């Protein structure tokens, strides 16, 4: 009987895509992740947590000029899902509720529209819970507390932040431009972010969303909206609009 490899759980189309980029596979901490060695990381200029930006870039055929929306943008470089594309010449909209991180984005992303707000189902104000590790901060208090405990961090403060629905962002700031790629990383608030859009009017070609905290609801929602889950690494899922002309490399 053939030994089961972690590669058996990765779709063949993804394996072909990643081989084109010379990405190596490693099994770490009993989970299957795609890891890029430091030399390759420098060479390919990838910044996402598990190098998802390389997958998205390949799906977009290394497009030189595109448009993105980054919800929960965090830092302009570190663990950024859009830094690779901005450096290529893309532009887009960054949404970051943490005022300190928003200032970094505003200073570094001059071509982008940078908004110091959160995304929710209606216009309002919500309490944002800041964690000592910025990437764990959230509008979801329980999610922030759990994450802080899990990673030995702590809550450092809270503040009221303005909230707008995602559909308002599309209508007010895209200027009618087609959105090639949307990243959603809202630390336990991701499902609510997605529900706040008008998907009949505004459809990014690719949606990447952190879904390990709410896999079933997010997967069901996007499937019902005619998006197909192309890749999942136990943290982030990459969905492709079934109505788009994107095709993975053969």
C-alpha atoms as a PDB file:
ATOM      1  CA  UNK A   1       0.000   0.000   0.000  1.00  0.00           C
ATOM      2  CA  UNK A   2       1.294   3.424  -0.943  1.00  0.00           C
ATOM      3  CA  UNK A   3       2.355   5.707   1.920  1.00  0.00           C
ATOM      4  CA  UNK A   4       0.159   8.785   2.189  1.00  0.00           C
ATOM      5  CA  UNK A   5       2.041  12.040   1.682  1.00  0.00           C
ATOM      6  CA  UNK A   6       0.902  15.523   2.597  1.00  0.00           C
ATOM      7  CA  UNK A   7       1.047  16.272  -1.137  1.00  0.00           C
ATOM      8  CA  UNK A   8      -1.919  13.920  -1.551  1.00  0.00           C
ATOM      9  CA  UNK A   9      -4.060  16.569   0.135  1.00  0.00           C
ATOM     10  CA  UNK A  10      -2.965  19.411  -2.166  1.00  0.00           C
ATOM     11  CA  UNK A  11      -4.887  19.722  -5.462  1.00  0.00           C
ATOM     12  CA  UNK A  12      -2.712  18.749  -8.472  1.00  0.00           C
ATOM     13  CA  UNK A  13      -3.389  22.101 -10.118  1.00  0.00           C
ATOM     14  CA  UNK A  14      -1.881  23.841  -7.077  1.00  0.00           C
ATOM     15  CA  UNK A  15       1.162  21.576  -7.146  1.00  0.00           C
ATOM     16  CA  UNK A  16       1.752  22.446 -10.799  1.00  0.00           C
ATOM     17  CA  UNK A  17       1.316  26.130 -10.083  1.00  0.00           C
ATOM     18  CA  UNK A  18       3.800  26.107  -7.207  1.00  0.00           C
ATOM     19  CA  UNK A  19       6.377  23.991  -9.023  1.00  0.00           C
ATOM     20  CA  UNK A  20       6.515  26.742 -11.627  1.00  0.00           C
ATOM     21  CA  UNK A  21       7.643  29.051  -8.841  1.00  0.00           C
ATOM     22  CA  UNK A  22      10.135  26.516  -7.479  1.00  0.00           C
ATOM     23  CA  UNK A  23       8.447  26.487  -4.080  1.00  0.00           C
ATOM     24  CA  UNK A  24       9.493  23.705  -1.727  1.00  0.00           C
ATOM     25  CA  UNK A  25       7.120  21.795   0.537  1.00  0.00           C
ATOM     26  CA  UNK A  26       7.766  20.972   4.167  1.00  0.00           C
ATOM     27  CA  UNK A  27       5.662  19.398   6.889  1.00  0.00           C
ATOM     28  CA  UNK A  28       5.820  21.417  10.102  1.00  0.00           C
ATOM     29  CA  UNK A  29       4.036  21.148  13.438  1.00  0.00           C
ATOM     30  CA  UNK A  30       1.803  18.348  12.118  1.00  0.00           C
ATOM     31  CA  UNK A  31       0.242  20.732   9.607  1.00  0.00           C
ATOM     32  CA  UNK A  32       0.754  21.030   5.874  1.00  0.00           C
ATOM     33  CA  UNK A  33       2.101  24.418   4.937  1.00  0.00           C
ATOM     34  CA  UNK A  34       3.875  25.816   1.938  1.00  0.00           C
ATOM     35  CA  UNK A  35       7.187  27.212   3.074  1.00  0.00           C
ATOM     36  CA  UNK A  36       9.561  29.266   0.970  1.00  0.00           C
ATOM     37  CA  UNK A  37      13.208  29.154   1.955  1.00  0.00           C
ATOM     38  CA  UNK A  38      14.728  32.500   2.890  1.00  0.00           C
ATOM     39  CA  UNK A  39      16.689  32.676  -0.370  1.00  0.00           C
ATOM     40  CA  UNK A  40      13.582  32.023  -2.435  1.00  0.00           C
ATOM     41  CA  UNK A  41      11.536  34.397  -0.312  1.00  0.00           C
ATOM     42  CA  UNK A  42      14.003  37.183  -1.051  1.00  0.00           C
ATOM     43  CA  UNK A  43      14.150  36.244  -4.722  1.00  0.00           C
ATOM     44  CA  UNK A  44      10.381  36.142  -5.200  1.00  0.00           C
ATOM     45  CA  UNK A  45       9.569  39.010  -2.812  1.00  0.00           C
ATOM     46  CA  UNK A  46       6.713  37.269  -1.054  1.00  0.00           C
ATOM     47  CA  UNK A  47       5.289  38.710   2.146  1.00  0.00           C
ATOM     48  CA  UNK A  48       2.084  36.826   3.023  1.00  0.00           C
ATOM     49  CA  UNK A  49       2.053  34.659   6.142  1.00  0.00           C
ATOM     50  CA  UNK A  50       2.273  31.387   4.217  1.00  0.00           C
ATOM     51  CA  UNK A  51       3.266  32.932   0.871  1.00  0.00           C
ATOM     52  CA  UNK A  52      -0.247  32.985  -0.512  1.00  0.00           C
ATOM     53  CA  UNK A  53       0.725  36.079  -2.521  1.00  0.00           C
ATOM     54  CA  UNK A  54       2.771  33.824  -4.822  1.00  0.00           C
ATOM     55  CA  UNK A  55      -0.288  31.695  -5.573  1.00  0.00           C
ATOM     56  CA  UNK A  56      -2.445  34.739  -6.236  1.00  0.00           C
ATOM     57  CA  UNK A  57       0.233  36.310  -8.426  1.00  0.00           C
ATOM     58  CA  UNK A  58       0.451  33.162 -10.509  1.00  0.00           C
ATOM     59  CA  UNK A  59      -3.330  32.990 -10.843  1.00  0.00           C
ATOM     60  CA  UNK A  60      -3.227  36.575 -12.096  1.00  0.00           C
ATOM     61  CA  UNK A  61      -0.513  35.585 -14.608  1.00  0.00           C
ATOM     62  CA  UNK A  62       1.937  38.008 -12.936  1.00  0.00           C
ATOM     63  CA  UNK A  63      -0.173  40.944 -14.043  1.00  0.00           C
ATOM     64  CA  UNK A  64       1.758  44.238 -14.011  1.00  0.00           C
ATOM     65  CA  UNK A  65      -1.073  46.614 -13.173  1.00  0.00           C
ATOM     66  CA  UNK A  66      -4.041  45.651 -11.056  1.00  0.00           C
ATOM     67  CA  UNK A  67      -6.348  46.783  -8.276  1.00  0.00           C
ATOM     68  CA  UNK A  68      -6.857  45.263  -4.814  1.00  0.00           C
ATOM     69  CA  UNK A  69      -8.782  45.780  -1.590  1.00  0.00           C
ATOM     70  CA  UNK A  70      -6.976  44.802   1.618  1.00  0.00           C
ATOM     71  CA  UNK A  71      -9.269  44.565   4.662  1.00  0.00           C
ATOM     72  CA  UNK A  72      -7.256  44.294   7.852  1.00  0.00           C
ATOM     73  CA  UNK A  73      -4.187  45.438   5.951  1.00  0.00           C
ATOM     74  CA  UNK A  74      -2.002  45.653   9.072  1.00  0.00           C
ATOM     75  CA  UNK A  75       1.611  46.569   8.140  1.00  0.00           C
ATOM     76  CA  UNK A  76       2.527  47.804   4.623  1.00  0.00           C
ATOM     77  CA  UNK A  77       5.257  45.133   4.347  1.00  0.00           C
ATOM     78  CA  UNK A  78       5.331  42.587   7.166  1.00  0.00           C
ATOM     79  CA  UNK A  79       2.841  39.740   6.589  1.00  0.00           C
ATOM     80  CA  UNK A  80       1.185  41.868   3.929  1.00  0.00           C
ATOM     81  CA  UNK A  81      -0.944  40.175   1.278  1.00  0.00           C
ATOM     82  CA  UNK A  82      -0.644  43.162  -1.071  1.00  0.00           C
ATOM     83  CA  UNK A  83       2.974  44.411  -0.684  1.00  0.00           C
ATOM     84  CA  UNK A  84       4.180  42.224  -3.554  1.00  0.00           C
ATOM     85  CA  UNK A  85       1.571  43.727  -5.848  1.00  0.00           C
ATOM     86  CA  UNK A  86       2.119  47.330  -4.755  1.00  0.00           C
ATOM     87  CA  UNK A  87       5.835  46.934  -5.501  1.00  0.00           C
ATOM     88  CA  UNK A  88       4.879  45.647  -8.950  1.00  0.00           C
ATOM     89  CA  UNK A  89       2.890  48.811  -9.665  1.00  0.00           C
ATOM     90  CA  UNK A  90      -0.602  47.850  -8.497  1.00  0.00           C
ATOM     91  CA  UNK A  91      -2.728  50.135  -6.352  1.00  0.00           C
ATOM     92  CA  UNK A  92      -5.813  49.713  -4.250  1.00  0.00           C
ATOM     93  CA  UNK A  93      -7.657  50.328  -1.003  1.00  0.00           C
ATOM     94  CA  UNK A  94      -6.241  49.491   2.406  1.00  0.00           C
ATOM     95  CA  UNK A  95      -8.593  49.302   5.373  1.00  0.00           C
ATOM     96  CA  UNK A  96      -6.981  49.257   8.808  1.00  0.00           C
ATOM     97  CA  UNK A  97      -8.753  50.162  12.091  1.00  0.00           C
ATOM     98  CA  UNK A  98      -5.567  50.397  14.177  1.00  0.00           C
ATOM     99  CA  UNK A  99      -4.508  54.103  14.028  1.00  0.00           C
ATOM    100  CA  UNK A 100      -0.792  53.339  14.371  1.00  0.00           C
ATOM    101  CA  UNK A 101      -0.812  50.804  11.536  1.00  0.00           C
ATOM    102  CA  UNK A 102      -2.996  53.105   9.461  1.00  0.00           C
ATOM    103  CA  UNK A 103      -0.315  55.825   9.737  1.00  0.00           C
ATOM    104  CA  UNK A 104       2.332  53.384   8.499  1.00  0.00           C
ATOM    105  CA  UNK A 105       0.159  52.511   5.519  1.00  0.00           C
ATOM    106  CA  UNK A 106      -0.541  56.164   4.736  1.00  0.00           C
ATOM    107  CA  UNK A 107       3.190  56.928   4.782  1.00  0.00           C
ATOM    108  CA  UNK A 108       4.244  53.920   2.684  1.00  0.00           C
ATOM    109  CA  UNK A 109       1.351  53.440   0.260  1.00  0.00           C
ATOM    110  CA  UNK A 110       1.086  56.808  -1.484  1.00  0.00           C
ATOM    111  CA  UNK A 111      -0.705  55.387  -4.538  1.00  0.00           C
ATOM    112  CA  UNK A 112      -3.311  53.660  -2.386  1.00  0.00           C
ATOM    113  CA  UNK A 113      -6.460  54.868  -0.699  1.00  0.00           C
ATOM    114  CA  UNK A 114      -5.908  54.254   3.018  1.00  0.00           C
ATOM    115  CA  UNK A 115      -8.887  54.228   5.391  1.00  0.00           C
ATOM    116  CA  UNK A 116      -8.773  54.177   9.198  1.00  0.00           C
ATOM    117  CA  UNK A 117     -12.088  52.338   9.603  1.00  0.00           C
ATOM    118  CA  UNK A 118     -13.541  48.885  10.122  1.00  0.00           C
ATOM    119  CA  UNK A 119     -15.986  46.928   7.989  1.00  0.00           C
ATOM    120  CA  UNK A 120     -19.375  45.767   9.240  1.00  0.00           C
ATOM    121  CA  UNK A 121     -22.970  45.273   8.200  1.00  0.00           C
ATOM    122  CA  UNK A 122     -24.057  48.884   8.812  1.00  0.00           C
ATOM    123  CA  UNK A 123     -22.613  52.338   9.416  1.00  0.00           C
ATOM    124  CA  UNK A 124     -21.912  52.660  13.125  1.00  0.00           C
ATOM    125  CA  UNK A 125     -19.084  52.697  15.655  1.00  0.00           C
ATOM    126  CA  UNK A 126     -17.634  49.604  17.303  1.00  0.00           C
ATOM    127  CA  UNK A 127     -15.017  48.988  19.957  1.00  0.00           C
ATOM    128  CA  UNK A 128     -11.696  47.809  18.550  1.00  0.00           C
ATOM    129  CA  UNK A 129      -9.605  45.681  20.907  1.00  0.00           C
ATOM    130  CA  UNK A 130      -5.868  46.231  20.506  1.00  0.00           C
ATOM    131  CA  UNK A 131      -3.589  43.290  21.297  1.00  0.00           C
ATOM    132  CA  UNK A 132       0.152  43.648  21.951  1.00  0.00           C
ATOM    133  CA  UNK A 133       0.727  41.666  18.740  1.00  0.00           C
ATOM    134  CA  UNK A 134      -1.071  43.857  16.198  1.00  0.00           C
ATOM    135  CA  UNK A 135      -2.092  40.978  13.948  1.00  0.00           C
ATOM    136  CA  UNK A 136      -4.322  39.599  16.727  1.00  0.00           C
ATOM    137  CA  UNK A 137      -6.335  42.793  17.302  1.00  0.00           C
ATOM    138  CA  UNK A 138     -10.033  42.528  16.518  1.00  0.00           C
ATOM    139  CA  UNK A 139     -13.523  43.995  16.821  1.00  0.00           C
ATOM    140  CA  UNK A 140     -14.464  40.614  18.273  1.00  0.00           C
ATOM    141  CA  UNK A 141     -13.574  40.881  21.966  1.00  0.00           C
ATOM    142  CA  UNK A 142     -13.665  37.166  22.659  1.00  0.00           C
ATOM    143  CA  UNK A 143     -11.520  36.424  19.605  1.00  0.00           C
ATOM    144  CA  UNK A 144      -8.966  39.014  20.740  1.00  0.00           C
ATOM    145  CA  UNK A 145      -8.865  37.572  24.265  1.00  0.00           C
ATOM    146  CA  UNK A 146      -8.507  33.986  23.023  1.00  0.00           C
ATOM    147  CA  UNK A 147      -5.757  34.905  20.568  1.00  0.00           C
ATOM    148  CA  UNK A 148      -3.872  36.924  23.164  1.00  0.00           C
ATOM    149  CA  UNK A 149      -3.970  34.002  25.572  1.00  0.00           C
ATOM    150  CA  UNK A 150      -2.967  31.453  22.927  1.00  0.00           C
ATOM    151  CA  UNK A 151       0.056  33.439  21.773  1.00  0.00           C
ATOM    152  CA  UNK A 152       1.048  34.748  25.214  1.00  0.00           C
ATOM    153  CA  UNK A 153       0.141  38.332  24.338  1.00  0.00           C
ATOM    154  CA  UNK A 154      -2.206  40.735  26.106  1.00  0.00           C
ATOM    155  CA  UNK A 155      -4.845  43.387  25.474  1.00  0.00           C
ATOM    156  CA  UNK A 156      -3.286  46.855  25.444  1.00  0.00           C
ATOM    157  CA  UNK A 157      -6.331  49.052  24.945  1.00  0.00           C
ATOM    158  CA  UNK A 158      -9.611  49.626  23.183  1.00  0.00           C
ATOM    159  CA  UNK A 159     -11.100  52.467  21.161  1.00  0.00           C
ATOM    160  CA  UNK A 160     -14.183  53.360  19.164  1.00  0.00           C
ATOM    161  CA  UNK A 161     -13.714  53.060  15.398  1.00  0.00           C
ATOM    162  CA  UNK A 162     -16.099  54.015  12.600  1.00  0.00           C
ATOM    163  CA  UNK A 163     -17.610  51.132  10.654  1.00  0.00           C
ATOM    164  CA  UNK A 164     -18.825  51.027   7.053  1.00  0.00           C
ATOM    165  CA  UNK A 165     -20.304  48.168   5.011  1.00  0.00           C
ATOM    166  CA  UNK A 166     -18.051  46.708   2.344  1.00  0.00           C
ATOM    167  CA  UNK A 167     -20.578  47.635  -0.357  1.00  0.00           C
ATOM    168  CA  UNK A 168     -20.059  51.314   0.549  1.00  0.00           C
ATOM    169  CA  UNK A 169     -16.305  50.954   0.058  1.00  0.00           C
ATOM    170  CA  UNK A 170     -16.789  49.536  -3.439  1.00  0.00           C
ATOM    171  CA  UNK A 171     -19.269  52.243  -4.363  1.00  0.00           C
ATOM    172  CA  UNK A 172     -17.342  55.189  -2.918  1.00  0.00           C
ATOM    173  CA  UNK A 173     -13.681  54.381  -3.565  1.00  0.00           C
ATOM    174  CA  UNK A 174     -13.135  51.999  -6.480  1.00  0.00           C
ATOM    175  CA  UNK A 175     -14.200  54.522  -9.113  1.00  0.00           C
ATOM    176  CA  UNK A 176     -15.871  51.708 -10.982  1.00  0.00           C
ATOM    177  CA  UNK A 177     -12.594  49.826 -11.368  1.00  0.00           C
ATOM    178  CA  UNK A 178     -12.652  46.047 -11.454  1.00  0.00           C
ATOM    179  CA  UNK A 179     -11.125  44.547  -8.308  1.00  0.00           C
ATOM    180  CA  UNK A 180      -8.665  41.795  -9.168  1.00  0.00           C
ATOM    181  CA  UNK A 181      -8.007  40.619  -5.631  1.00  0.00           C
ATOM    182  CA  UNK A 182      -9.557  41.188  -2.210  1.00  0.00           C
ATOM    183  CA  UNK A 183      -7.899  40.108   1.042  1.00  0.00           C
ATOM    184  CA  UNK A 184      -9.935  39.773   4.246  1.00  0.00           C
ATOM    185  CA  UNK A 185      -8.161  39.249   7.572  1.00  0.00           C
ATOM    186  CA  UNK A 186     -10.435  40.503  10.335  1.00  0.00           C
ATOM    187  CA  UNK A 187      -9.562  38.121  13.182  1.00  0.00           C
ATOM    188  CA  UNK A 188     -12.902  36.480  13.837  1.00  0.00           C
ATOM    189  CA  UNK A 189     -14.961  39.158  12.075  1.00  0.00           C
ATOM    190  CA  UNK A 190     -14.360  37.872   8.544  1.00  0.00           C
ATOM    191  CA  UNK A 191     -17.820  36.388   7.932  1.00  0.00           C
ATOM    192  CA  UNK A 192     -19.490  39.663   8.887  1.00  0.00           C
ATOM    193  CA  UNK A 193     -17.154  41.565   6.555  1.00  0.00           C
ATOM    194  CA  UNK A 194     -18.113  39.335   3.640  1.00  0.00           C
ATOM    195  CA  UNK A 195     -21.840  39.585   4.397  1.00  0.00           C
ATOM    196  CA  UNK A 196     -21.660  43.394   4.246  1.00  0.00           C
ATOM    197  CA  UNK A 197     -20.993  43.420   0.491  1.00  0.00           C
ATOM    198  CA  UNK A 198     -23.448  43.593  -2.395  1.00  0.00           C
ATOM    199  CA  UNK A 199     -22.126  40.609  -4.322  1.00  0.00           C
ATOM    200  CA  UNK A 200     -24.475  41.136  -7.233  1.00  0.00           C
ATOM    201  CA  UNK A 201     -22.804  44.479  -7.988  1.00  0.00           C
ATOM    202  CA  UNK A 202     -19.261  44.093  -6.656  1.00  0.00           C
ATOM    203  CA  UNK A 203     -17.320  40.912  -7.386  1.00  0.00           C
ATOM    204  CA  UNK A 204     -13.537  40.677  -6.975  1.00  0.00           C
ATOM    205  CA  UNK A 205     -11.993  38.045  -9.228  1.00  0.00           C
ATOM    206  CA  UNK A 206     -10.136  36.475  -6.301  1.00  0.00           C
ATOM    207  CA  UNK A 207     -11.046  36.559  -2.615  1.00  0.00           C
ATOM    208  CA  UNK A 208      -8.582  35.466   0.039  1.00  0.00           C
ATOM    209  CA  UNK A 209     -10.038  35.197   3.531  1.00  0.00           C
ATOM    210  CA  UNK A 210      -8.869  33.922   6.903  1.00  0.00           C
ATOM    211  CA  UNK A 211     -11.372  31.158   7.562  1.00  0.00           C
ATOM    212  CA  UNK A 212      -9.835  28.793  10.108  1.00  0.00           C
ATOM    213  CA  UNK A 213     -12.087  30.300  12.808  1.00  0.00           C
ATOM    214  CA  UNK A 214     -15.308  29.990  10.755  1.00  0.00           C
ATOM    215  CA  UNK A 215     -14.613  27.638   7.860  1.00  0.00           C
ATOM    216  CA  UNK A 216     -18.116  26.235   7.351  1.00  0.00           C
ATOM    217  CA  UNK A 217     -19.996  29.546   7.292  1.00  0.00           C
ATOM    218  CA  UNK A 218     -17.471  31.324   5.071  1.00  0.00           C
ATOM    219  CA  UNK A 219     -17.173  28.426   2.630  1.00  0.00           C
ATOM    220  CA  UNK A 220     -20.964  28.067   2.396  1.00  0.00           C
ATOM    221  CA  UNK A 221     -21.485  31.802   1.895  1.00  0.00           C
ATOM    222  CA  UNK A 222     -18.941  32.158  -0.894  1.00  0.00           C
ATOM    223  CA  UNK A 223     -20.043  28.939  -2.595  1.00  0.00           C
ATOM    224  CA  UNK A 224     -23.605  30.253  -2.659  1.00  0.00           C
ATOM    225  CA  UNK A 225     -22.236  33.452  -4.225  1.00  0.00           C
ATOM    226  CA  UNK A 226     -20.664  31.392  -7.041  1.00  0.00           C
ATOM    227  CA  UNK A 227     -17.097  31.450  -5.740  1.00  0.00           C
ATOM    228  CA  UNK A 228     -15.053  28.258  -5.754  1.00  0.00           C
ATOM    229  CA  UNK A 229     -12.519  27.363  -3.056  1.00  0.00           C
ATOM    230  CA  UNK A 230      -9.289  26.888  -4.997  1.00  0.00           C
ATOM    231  CA  UNK A 231      -6.808  26.559  -2.117  1.00  0.00           C
ATOM    232  CA  UNK A 232      -6.883  26.199   1.665  1.00  0.00           C
ATOM    233  CA  UNK A 233      -3.920  25.857   4.039  1.00  0.00           C
ATOM    234  CA  UNK A 234      -5.713  25.508   7.393  1.00  0.00           C
ATOM    235  CA  UNK A 235      -5.577  29.293   7.838  1.00  0.00           C
ATOM    236  CA  UNK A 236      -6.483  31.141   4.633  1.00  0.00           C
ATOM    237  CA  UNK A 237      -8.733  30.176   1.768  1.00  0.00           C
ATOM    238  CA  UNK A 238      -8.375  31.454  -1.789  1.00  0.00           C
ATOM    239  CA  UNK A 239     -11.637  31.622  -3.748  1.00  0.00           C
ATOM    240  CA  UNK A 240     -12.060  32.304  -7.459  1.00  0.00           C
ATOM    241  CA  UNK A 241     -15.186  33.814  -9.013  1.00  0.00           C
ATOM    242  CA  UNK A 242     -16.577  31.076 -11.248  1.00  0.00           C
ATOM    243  CA  UNK A 243     -17.647  33.742 -13.736  1.00  0.00           C
ATOM    244  CA  UNK A 244     -14.157  35.162 -14.200  1.00  0.00           C
ATOM    245  CA  UNK A 245     -11.698  34.368 -16.970  1.00  0.00           C
ATOM    246  CA  UNK A 246      -8.900  33.429 -14.533  1.00  0.00           C
ATOM    247  CA  UNK A 247      -7.338  30.043 -15.141  1.00  0.00           C
ATOM    248  CA  UNK A 248      -4.476  28.417 -13.248  1.00  0.00           C
ATOM    249  CA  UNK A 249      -1.235  27.673 -15.095  1.00  0.00           C
ATOM    250  CA  UNK A 250      -0.997  24.184 -16.576  1.00  0.00           C
END
